[in-house]
Structure formats: C-alpha cells, structure tokens
C-alpha cells in the first residue's frame, strides 16, 4: 500500500514539474487522494499591435 501512495505522490510532483501555465487539482476523499486533474493553458499572441489580432487560448 505504501508503494501506491508513493506512486500518487510521484505522479503529482511529475505533473507539477511538467506544468508551465495552468492548474493541478487534487481531489481527496476520506483522507485519500482519489483523483488528479491537470489543466494546461497555452496562449498564442500575435506580435502585431492591431486590434483585429486577438490572443487565442487553447485548453487541454
């Protein structure tokens, strides 16, 4: 059982290391980690200062 808990902790730490912009939500039930949701945000901003070019966001 301890190995499974270590695996959960490793997964969370690895997810944080890979994440540059976004969030990591850890769901806990009865004191146990039951779910981890990772949302990563990518923004592509045009170098032009024109008002017609707006930022485009993608959500994974």
C-alpha atoms as a PDB file:
ATOM      1  CA  UNK A   1       0.000   0.000   0.000  1.00  0.00           C
ATOM      2  CA  UNK A   2       2.888   2.359   0.735  1.00  0.00           C
ATOM      3  CA  UNK A   3       4.168   1.872  -2.813  1.00  0.00           C
ATOM      4  CA  UNK A   4       0.805   3.005  -4.201  1.00  0.00           C
ATOM      5  CA  UNK A   5       0.898   6.148  -2.032  1.00  0.00           C
ATOM      6  CA  UNK A   6       4.436   6.889  -3.248  1.00  0.00           C
ATOM      7  CA  UNK A   7       3.236   6.403  -6.827  1.00  0.00           C
ATOM      8  CA  UNK A   8       0.489   9.004  -6.266  1.00  0.00           C
ATOM      9  CA  UNK A   9       2.978  11.490  -4.804  1.00  0.00           C
ATOM     10  CA  UNK A  10       5.404  10.918  -7.676  1.00  0.00           C
ATOM     11  CA  UNK A  11       2.612  11.442 -10.217  1.00  0.00           C
ATOM     12  CA  UNK A  12       1.665  14.761  -8.586  1.00  0.00           C
ATOM     13  CA  UNK A  13       5.267  16.000  -8.428  1.00  0.00           C
ATOM     14  CA  UNK A  14       5.941  14.970 -12.036  1.00  0.00           C
ATOM     15  CA  UNK A  15       2.755  16.728 -13.160  1.00  0.00           C
ATOM     16  CA  UNK A  16       3.848  19.915 -11.398  1.00  0.00           C
ATOM     17  CA  UNK A  17       7.306  19.773 -12.978  1.00  0.00           C
ATOM     18  CA  UNK A  18       5.800  19.456 -16.472  1.00  0.00           C
ATOM     19  CA  UNK A  19       3.255  22.259 -15.968  1.00  0.00           C
ATOM     20  CA  UNK A  20       4.297  25.760 -17.075  1.00  0.00           C
ATOM     21  CA  UNK A  21       0.916  27.545 -17.063  1.00  0.00           C
ATOM     22  CA  UNK A  22      -2.260  26.034 -15.688  1.00  0.00           C
ATOM     23  CA  UNK A  23      -3.542  24.228 -12.646  1.00  0.00           C
ATOM     24  CA  UNK A  24      -3.368  20.911 -10.865  1.00  0.00           C
ATOM     25  CA  UNK A  25      -6.439  19.933  -8.840  1.00  0.00           C
ATOM     26  CA  UNK A  26      -6.070  17.126  -6.315  1.00  0.00           C
ATOM     27  CA  UNK A  27      -9.312  15.502  -5.131  1.00  0.00           C
ATOM     28  CA  UNK A  28      -9.261  13.848  -1.728  1.00  0.00           C
ATOM     29  CA  UNK A  29     -11.961  11.598  -0.196  1.00  0.00           C
ATOM     30  CA  UNK A  30     -11.690  10.234   3.338  1.00  0.00           C
ATOM     31  CA  UNK A  31      -8.083  11.415   3.556  1.00  0.00           C
ATOM     32  CA  UNK A  32      -7.024   9.588   0.375  1.00  0.00           C
ATOM     33  CA  UNK A  33      -6.028  11.046  -2.995  1.00  0.00           C
ATOM     34  CA  UNK A  34      -8.673   9.804  -5.418  1.00  0.00           C
ATOM     35  CA  UNK A  35      -8.185  11.984  -8.492  1.00  0.00           C
ATOM     36  CA  UNK A  36      -5.760  14.448 -10.083  1.00  0.00           C
ATOM     37  CA  UNK A  37      -6.904  16.862 -12.809  1.00  0.00           C
ATOM     38  CA  UNK A  38      -4.345  18.808 -14.822  1.00  0.00           C
ATOM     39  CA  UNK A  39      -5.328  21.817 -16.922  1.00  0.00           C
ATOM     40  CA  UNK A  40      -2.640  23.327 -19.111  1.00  0.00           C
ATOM     41  CA  UNK A  41      -3.032  26.695 -20.806  1.00  0.00           C
ATOM     42  CA  UNK A  42      -1.297  27.782 -23.986  1.00  0.00           C
ATOM     43  CA  UNK A  43      -1.525  31.334 -25.291  1.00  0.00           C
ATOM     44  CA  UNK A  44      -0.581  32.398 -28.794  1.00  0.00           C
ATOM     45  CA  UNK A  45      -0.285  36.162 -29.032  1.00  0.00           C
ATOM     46  CA  UNK A  46       0.321  37.938 -32.311  1.00  0.00           C
ATOM     47  CA  UNK A  47       3.305  40.280 -32.490  1.00  0.00           C
ATOM     48  CA  UNK A  48       1.154  42.782 -34.398  1.00  0.00           C
ATOM     49  CA  UNK A  49      -0.412  45.574 -32.336  1.00  0.00           C
ATOM     50  CA  UNK A  50      -3.533  45.615 -34.497  1.00  0.00           C
ATOM     51  CA  UNK A  51      -6.829  45.371 -32.606  1.00  0.00           C
ATOM     52  CA  UNK A  52      -8.062  42.810 -35.126  1.00  0.00           C
ATOM     53  CA  UNK A  53      -5.461  40.286 -33.950  1.00  0.00           C
ATOM     54  CA  UNK A  54      -6.593  38.857 -30.639  1.00  0.00           C
ATOM     55  CA  UNK A  55      -4.999  36.298 -28.371  1.00  0.00           C
ATOM     56  CA  UNK A  56      -6.085  32.721 -28.946  1.00  0.00           C
ATOM     57  CA  UNK A  57      -6.254  30.389 -25.971  1.00  0.00           C
ATOM     58  CA  UNK A  58      -6.364  26.606 -26.014  1.00  0.00           C
ATOM     59  CA  UNK A  59      -7.302  24.498 -23.046  1.00  0.00           C
ATOM     60  CA  UNK A  60      -6.222  20.881 -22.772  1.00  0.00           C
END
